[in-house]
Amino acid sequence: MHRPPRATGIGSLPGTDPAAAHRLVFDELPDLPHLPELPARGVGADMIGRGTAFLVELYAEVQPSGWRLTDRPGRDARRAASFLRQDLDLLEENAQEFTETLKVQVVGPWSLAGTLELRHGDRMLADLGAVRDLAESLTEGLKVHIADVRKRAPRAGALLVQLDEPALPGVLRGTVPTASGFGRLRAVEEPVAREMLEALVKAVHDADAQVVVHCCDPAVPIELLRRAGVDHISFDATTIDATGPGTSPARDEQLGEAIEAGVGLMLGVVPSVDPARAPSVTQLLDKVLSLTRLGFSAAQLAQATTITPTCGLAGATPPWARQALVLAHRTADALADKAS
């Protein structure tokens, strides 16, 4: 069935007012709002802190070097859980009559493992057994989270779970630094990375939700994610457009295979920080339509596409964050018109 192009945000927004953030996403992204994240609120509202709030029987706290596993939940863990509860309470207030698709976000297992430290100080990524325990804990927490979101938004349509994996390319290349910063952790083989993601994707599918993986690194591993069974891949499309540094025949082939396999593309085309000059909808649409070079018509591309900012908006000013979401929505409308 044909689905008109939609627009959504990546997740983070500027400021510390969660009620205003919820109003913003429901006002400007009526077809696909997302659960806002406000890192400026402090410890526990950051990407890693929020990720720890989903873990089951694993706890973490902030040390001078960053988030580290601990034996029991402390103040930092309670703050992270409290921020998440506040956001879900606001979602419940705003989504009682909402019937469209809803998106929620959580840091993925590889990026979490590449940042979170073991009790003795090494990053979890240094111990694949620990990473498996982490992925299992995260999976169980996501099952609980999905059920909670459905209770709080009882009339919502499809539910998309976005896994933020900014570190995944570095995990595969072996460029993630050790906790000391003086070395690099060994690269994870692609089958191992894919297998772990595949298990998490299956669990989310079994909970009747879809999976989006967001990665704004130009080396986003499209083929790995497609083979892991994700439903959508979210990336910065400005880095792999017709003239971008990430463009290559192999990358184009991977994108084409993903579309043919029914994988949706969440194309980041709107600047995520305040630009010197705001792009027009026509300029943004041209970036999207550059992908017709893959051999698909505008109509076929539109059916597979969701328009987003290039990354999270936490670093933007509040006026630009709003304008970015407006531009994403208007570009999606323009793509629908082009495809009709």
Protein backbone atom coordinates (compact mmCIF):
# COMPACT_ATOMS: atom_id res chain seq x y z
CA MET A 1 0.00 0.00 0.00
CA HIS A 2 1.32 3.43 -0.89
CA ARG A 3 2.35 5.51 2.10
CA PRO A 4 2.83 9.24 1.64
CA PRO A 5 6.21 10.58 2.79
CA ARG A 6 6.36 11.56 6.43
CA ALA A 7 8.62 13.69 8.57
CA THR A 8 10.04 13.13 12.03
CA GLY A 9 12.88 14.21 14.30
CA ILE A 10 15.87 12.17 15.36
CA GLY A 11 15.19 12.54 19.08
CA SER A 12 17.06 15.27 20.95
CA LEU A 13 15.90 18.87 21.22
CA PRO A 14 17.37 21.97 22.89
CA GLY A 15 16.23 23.35 26.22
CA THR A 16 15.06 21.92 29.53
CA ASP A 17 11.25 22.17 29.25
CA PRO A 18 9.90 18.72 28.40
CA ALA A 19 6.27 19.91 28.21
CA ALA A 20 7.20 22.46 25.52
CA ALA A 21 9.21 19.81 23.67
CA HIS A 22 6.24 17.45 23.58
CA ARG A 23 3.96 20.19 22.28
CA LEU A 24 6.51 20.98 19.58
CA VAL A 25 6.79 17.48 18.17
CA PHE A 26 3.04 16.83 18.24
CA ASP A 27 2.33 20.21 16.60
CA GLU A 28 4.98 20.07 13.88
CA LEU A 29 5.22 16.31 13.24
CA PRO A 30 1.58 15.21 13.26
CA ASP A 31 2.16 12.02 11.24
CA LEU A 32 5.22 10.74 13.09
CA PRO A 33 6.03 12.49 16.39
CA HIS A 34 8.77 11.13 18.59
CA LEU A 35 9.45 11.00 22.30
CA PRO A 36 11.61 14.12 22.86
CA GLU A 37 14.97 13.89 24.58
CA LEU A 38 16.46 16.94 26.34
CA PRO A 39 20.14 16.35 27.18
CA ALA A 40 20.45 19.89 28.58
CA ARG A 41 18.56 18.73 31.67
CA GLY A 42 21.81 17.16 32.83
CA VAL A 43 23.11 13.82 34.01
CA GLY A 44 20.65 11.07 33.20
CA ALA A 45 19.06 12.96 30.30
CA ASP A 46 22.07 12.40 28.04
CA MET A 47 22.01 9.60 25.46
CA ILE A 48 24.06 7.15 27.54
CA GLY A 49 22.31 8.04 30.80
CA ARG A 50 18.92 7.47 29.22
CA GLY A 51 20.16 4.20 27.76
CA THR A 52 21.11 2.95 31.23
CA ALA A 53 17.53 3.61 32.38
CA PHE A 54 16.34 0.79 30.10
CA LEU A 55 18.72 -1.82 31.47
CA VAL A 56 17.34 -4.69 33.55
CA GLU A 57 19.48 -5.83 36.52
CA LEU A 58 22.39 -3.71 35.34
CA TYR A 59 23.10 -0.34 36.93
CA ALA A 60 25.46 2.54 36.19
CA GLU A 61 26.69 5.78 37.70
CA VAL A 62 28.80 8.69 36.51
CA GLN A 63 32.51 8.62 37.29
CA PRO A 64 35.06 11.28 36.24
CA SER A 65 35.69 9.23 33.08
CA GLY A 66 31.98 8.77 32.26
CA TRP A 67 29.23 6.23 32.89
CA ARG A 68 30.38 3.05 34.64
CA LEU A 69 28.62 -0.11 35.82
CA THR A 70 27.96 -0.36 39.52
CA ASP A 71 26.53 -2.98 41.89
CA ARG A 72 23.34 -1.13 42.77
CA PRO A 73 21.33 1.85 41.54
CA GLY A 74 22.50 5.19 42.91
CA ARG A 75 21.59 8.85 42.47
CA ASP A 76 22.53 8.97 38.78
CA ALA A 77 20.46 5.90 37.95
CA ARG A 78 17.49 7.34 39.84
CA ARG A 79 17.80 10.62 37.91
CA ALA A 80 17.86 8.80 34.57
CA ALA A 81 14.79 6.76 35.50
CA SER A 82 13.01 9.87 36.78
CA PHE A 83 13.63 11.79 33.54
CA LEU A 84 12.27 8.88 31.52
CA ARG A 85 9.15 8.65 33.70
CA GLN A 86 8.53 12.40 33.32
CA ASP A 87 8.76 12.11 29.56
CA LEU A 88 6.43 9.13 29.44
CA ASP A 89 3.92 10.93 31.67
CA LEU A 90 3.92 13.84 29.20
CA LEU A 91 3.56 11.43 26.30
CA GLU A 92 0.48 10.01 28.00
CA GLU A 93 -1.02 13.50 28.31
CA ASN A 94 -0.43 14.30 24.64
CA ALA A 95 -1.17 10.95 23.01
CA GLN A 96 -4.53 9.86 24.41
CA GLU A 97 -6.31 10.58 21.11
CA PHE A 98 -3.29 10.11 18.86
CA THR A 99 -3.83 7.48 16.14
CA GLU A 100 -0.81 7.83 13.86
CA THR A 101 2.68 6.31 14.09
CA LEU A 102 4.83 7.06 17.14
CA LYS A 103 8.61 6.80 17.50
CA VAL A 104 10.71 6.29 20.62
CA GLN A 105 14.51 6.21 20.86
CA VAL A 106 17.20 4.40 22.82
CA VAL A 107 20.94 4.08 22.34
CA GLY A 108 21.80 0.81 20.60
CA PRO A 109 23.84 -1.96 22.21
CA TRP A 110 27.08 -1.35 20.29
CA SER A 111 27.22 2.38 20.96
CA LEU A 112 26.27 1.80 24.58
CA ALA A 113 28.99 -0.85 24.94
CA GLY A 114 31.51 1.47 23.30
CA THR A 115 30.87 4.14 25.93
CA LEU A 116 29.80 2.42 29.14
CA GLU A 117 32.65 1.21 31.36
CA LEU A 118 32.96 -2.02 33.28
CA ARG A 119 33.47 -1.82 37.04
CA HIS A 120 37.26 -2.02 36.68
CA GLY A 121 37.38 0.75 34.10
CA ASP A 122 37.66 -0.86 30.65
CA ARG A 123 34.90 -0.17 28.17
CA MET A 124 32.32 -2.94 27.91
CA LEU A 125 33.23 -3.28 24.23
CA ALA A 126 36.53 -4.87 25.31
CA ASP A 127 34.61 -7.93 26.59
CA LEU A 128 32.19 -9.50 24.10
CA GLY A 129 30.66 -11.60 26.86
CA ALA A 130 29.82 -8.41 28.74
CA VAL A 131 28.41 -6.91 25.56
CA ARG A 132 26.09 -9.89 25.16
CA ASP A 133 24.89 -9.46 28.74
CA LEU A 134 24.33 -5.77 28.04
CA ALA A 135 22.36 -6.50 24.85
CA GLU A 136 20.16 -9.02 26.68
CA SER A 137 19.51 -6.55 29.49
CA LEU A 138 18.67 -3.80 27.01
CA THR A 139 16.37 -6.14 25.09
CA GLU A 140 14.41 -7.02 28.22
CA GLY A 141 14.14 -3.35 29.13
CA LEU A 142 12.87 -2.47 25.66
CA LYS A 143 10.12 -5.08 25.93
CA VAL A 144 8.92 -3.40 29.13
CA HIS A 145 9.24 0.03 27.55
CA ILE A 146 7.22 -0.94 24.47
CA ALA A 147 4.42 -2.29 26.64
CA ASP A 148 4.45 0.89 28.75
CA VAL A 149 4.33 3.16 25.70
CA ARG A 150 1.36 1.23 24.31
CA LYS A 151 -0.51 1.69 27.59
CA ARG A 152 0.22 5.41 27.60
CA ALA A 153 -0.67 5.91 23.91
CA PRO A 154 -3.47 3.35 23.60
CA ARG A 155 -4.75 4.47 20.20
CA ALA A 156 -1.41 4.98 18.46
CA GLY A 157 -0.85 3.07 15.24
CA ALA A 158 2.54 1.57 14.50
CA LEU A 159 5.31 1.97 17.05
CA LEU A 160 8.86 2.57 15.84
CA VAL A 161 11.80 1.87 18.16
CA GLN A 162 14.87 3.82 17.06
CA LEU A 163 18.26 2.44 18.05
CA ASP A 164 20.87 5.19 18.05
CA GLU A 165 24.14 3.67 16.87
CA PRO A 166 26.57 6.54 16.18
CA ALA A 167 29.54 4.40 17.24
CA LEU A 168 28.71 1.32 15.14
CA PRO A 169 31.03 2.20 12.21
CA GLY A 170 33.88 2.77 14.69
CA VAL A 171 33.11 -0.55 16.38
CA LEU A 172 33.47 -2.28 13.01
CA ARG A 173 36.62 -0.37 12.04
CA GLY A 174 38.35 -0.75 15.40
CA THR A 175 38.58 2.99 16.08
CA VAL A 176 36.71 3.15 19.41
CA PRO A 177 39.23 4.43 22.00
CA THR A 178 40.04 2.53 25.15
CA ALA A 179 38.95 4.06 28.47
CA SER A 180 42.42 5.60 28.86
CA GLY A 181 42.27 7.14 25.41
CA PHE A 182 45.76 5.90 24.56
CA GLY A 183 44.70 2.88 22.52
CA ARG A 184 41.95 1.52 20.31
CA LEU A 185 39.65 -1.40 20.99
CA ARG A 186 39.84 -4.36 18.63
CA ALA A 187 37.37 -4.27 15.72
CA VAL A 188 34.24 -6.40 16.08
CA GLU A 189 33.67 -8.73 13.15
CA GLU A 190 30.64 -7.85 11.08
CA PRO A 191 28.82 -11.20 11.59
CA VAL A 192 29.12 -10.77 15.37
CA ALA A 193 27.79 -7.22 15.25
CA ARG A 194 24.96 -8.25 12.94
CA GLU A 195 23.98 -11.28 15.03
CA MET A 196 23.59 -9.21 18.18
CA LEU A 197 21.51 -6.57 16.43
CA GLU A 198 19.46 -9.25 14.72
CA ALA A 199 18.47 -10.79 18.06
CA LEU A 200 17.38 -7.42 19.41
CA VAL A 201 15.45 -6.62 16.22
CA LYS A 202 13.62 -9.94 16.44
CA ALA A 203 12.61 -9.25 20.04
CA VAL A 204 11.22 -5.83 19.10
CA HIS A 205 9.34 -7.38 16.16
CA ASP A 206 7.93 -10.03 18.49
CA ALA A 207 6.63 -7.14 20.63
CA ASP A 208 4.77 -5.86 17.54
CA ALA A 209 6.98 -2.84 16.94
CA GLN A 210 9.31 -1.84 14.11
CA VAL A 211 13.00 -1.01 14.33
CA VAL A 212 14.83 2.04 13.03
CA VAL A 213 18.61 2.30 13.34
CA HIS A 214 20.00 5.84 13.25
CA CYS A 215 23.65 6.47 12.44
CA CYS A 216 24.90 9.84 11.22
CA ASP A 217 28.43 8.59 10.47
CA PRO A 218 29.08 8.70 6.68
CA ALA A 219 30.10 5.03 6.89
CA VAL A 220 26.69 3.85 8.12
CA PRO A 221 26.73 0.05 7.49
CA ILE A 222 23.65 -0.16 5.30
CA GLU A 223 24.09 -3.77 4.21
CA LEU A 224 24.71 -5.00 7.76
CA LEU A 225 21.57 -3.26 9.01
CA ARG A 226 19.45 -4.58 6.14
CA ARG A 227 20.65 -8.12 6.79
CA ALA A 228 19.94 -7.68 10.52
CA GLY A 229 16.28 -7.18 9.62
CA VAL A 230 15.73 -3.52 10.50
CA ASP A 231 12.65 -1.85 9.05
CA HIS A 232 14.19 1.60 8.51
CA ILE A 233 17.68 3.06 8.30
CA SER A 234 18.10 6.67 9.43
CA PHE A 235 21.18 8.55 8.24
CA ASP A 236 22.62 11.90 7.22
CA ALA A 237 21.77 11.93 3.52
CA THR A 238 23.90 15.02 2.90
CA THR A 239 27.07 12.95 3.35
CA ILE A 240 26.15 10.42 0.67
CA ASP A 241 24.32 12.53 -1.91
CA ALA A 242 25.34 12.62 -5.56
CA THR A 243 28.48 14.67 -4.83
CA GLY A 244 29.13 13.86 -1.17
CA PRO A 245 32.32 12.31 0.21
CA GLY A 246 30.60 9.05 1.06
CA THR A 247 29.27 8.45 -2.45
CA SER A 248 30.46 5.30 -4.18
CA PRO A 249 28.99 2.69 -6.54
CA ALA A 250 29.04 0.18 -3.68
CA ARG A 251 27.13 2.54 -1.38
CA ASP A 252 24.55 3.26 -4.09
CA GLU A 253 24.13 -0.46 -4.64
CA GLN A 254 23.53 -1.00 -0.91
CA LEU A 255 20.91 1.76 -0.83
CA GLY A 256 19.17 0.32 -3.87
CA GLU A 257 19.12 -3.17 -2.38
CA ALA A 258 17.69 -1.78 0.86
CA ILE A 259 14.83 -0.06 -0.97
CA GLU A 260 14.14 -3.17 -3.05
CA ALA A 261 14.01 -5.21 0.17
CA GLY A 262 11.36 -2.89 1.58
CA VAL A 263 13.62 -1.11 4.06
CA GLY A 264 12.50 2.47 4.67
CA LEU A 265 14.99 5.31 4.42
CA MET A 266 14.88 8.10 6.96
CA LEU A 267 16.78 10.76 5.06
CA GLY A 268 18.50 13.45 7.11
CA VAL A 269 18.51 16.51 4.85
CA VAL A 270 17.63 19.42 7.17
CA PRO A 271 20.61 20.98 9.03
CA SER A 272 20.65 19.95 12.69
CA VAL A 273 22.35 23.16 13.84
CA ASP A 274 21.57 26.75 12.87
CA PRO A 275 22.83 27.34 9.31
CA ALA A 276 24.15 30.67 8.08
CA ARG A 277 21.20 30.66 5.70
CA ALA A 278 18.16 28.43 5.96
CA PRO A 279 17.72 26.09 2.98
CA SER A 280 14.53 26.30 0.96
CA VAL A 281 12.14 23.39 0.61
CA THR A 282 13.17 23.17 -3.06
CA GLN A 283 16.83 22.77 -2.09
CA LEU A 284 15.98 20.09 0.44
CA LEU A 285 13.76 18.27 -2.04
CA ASP A 286 16.60 18.26 -4.57
CA LYS A 287 18.78 16.44 -2.04
CA VAL A 288 16.11 13.79 -1.63
CA LEU A 289 15.51 13.44 -5.37
CA SER A 290 19.24 12.99 -5.98
CA LEU A 291 18.61 9.39 -4.91
CA THR A 292 16.59 8.80 -8.09
CA ARG A 293 20.06 8.07 -9.52
CA LEU A 294 19.58 4.64 -7.96
CA GLY A 295 17.04 3.86 -10.68
CA PHE A 296 13.84 4.44 -8.72
CA SER A 297 11.10 6.84 -9.71
CA ALA A 298 10.13 9.77 -7.53
CA ALA A 299 6.98 7.85 -6.57
CA GLN A 300 8.96 4.75 -5.54
CA LEU A 301 11.41 6.86 -3.59
CA ALA A 302 8.61 8.73 -1.88
CA GLN A 303 7.01 5.50 -0.72
CA ALA A 304 10.24 4.47 1.00
CA THR A 305 11.16 7.83 2.47
CA THR A 306 10.78 9.72 5.75
CA ILE A 307 12.35 13.20 6.00
CA THR A 308 14.38 14.17 9.07
CA PRO A 309 17.08 16.55 10.27
CA THR A 310 20.60 15.25 9.70
CA CYS A 311 21.02 14.43 13.40
CA GLY A 312 19.58 15.34 16.79
CA LEU A 313 18.69 18.99 17.42
CA ALA A 314 20.17 19.37 20.91
CA GLY A 315 22.84 21.73 19.55
CA ALA A 316 20.39 23.99 17.75
CA THR A 317 18.76 27.15 19.07
CA PRO A 318 15.08 26.68 19.98
CA PRO A 319 13.90 28.77 16.97
CA TRP A 320 15.94 26.69 14.55
CA ALA A 321 14.82 23.41 16.14
CA ARG A 322 11.23 24.39 15.40
CA GLN A 323 12.08 25.59 11.89
CA ALA A 324 14.01 22.38 11.17
CA LEU A 325 10.96 20.27 12.00
CA VAL A 326 8.73 22.57 9.93
CA LEU A 327 11.11 22.25 6.97
CA ALA A 328 11.19 18.48 7.31
CA HIS A 329 7.39 18.34 7.23
CA ARG A 330 7.13 20.72 4.27
CA THR A 331 9.78 18.77 2.35
CA ALA A 332 7.81 15.56 2.93
CA ASP A 333 4.69 17.31 1.56
CA ALA A 334 6.67 18.55 -1.47
CA LEU A 335 7.93 15.01 -2.14
CA ALA A 336 4.39 13.69 -1.98
CA ASP A 337 3.29 16.33 -4.51
CA LYS A 338 6.22 15.44 -6.78
CA ALA A 339 5.33 11.77 -6.64
CA SER A 340 1.62 12.23 -7.36
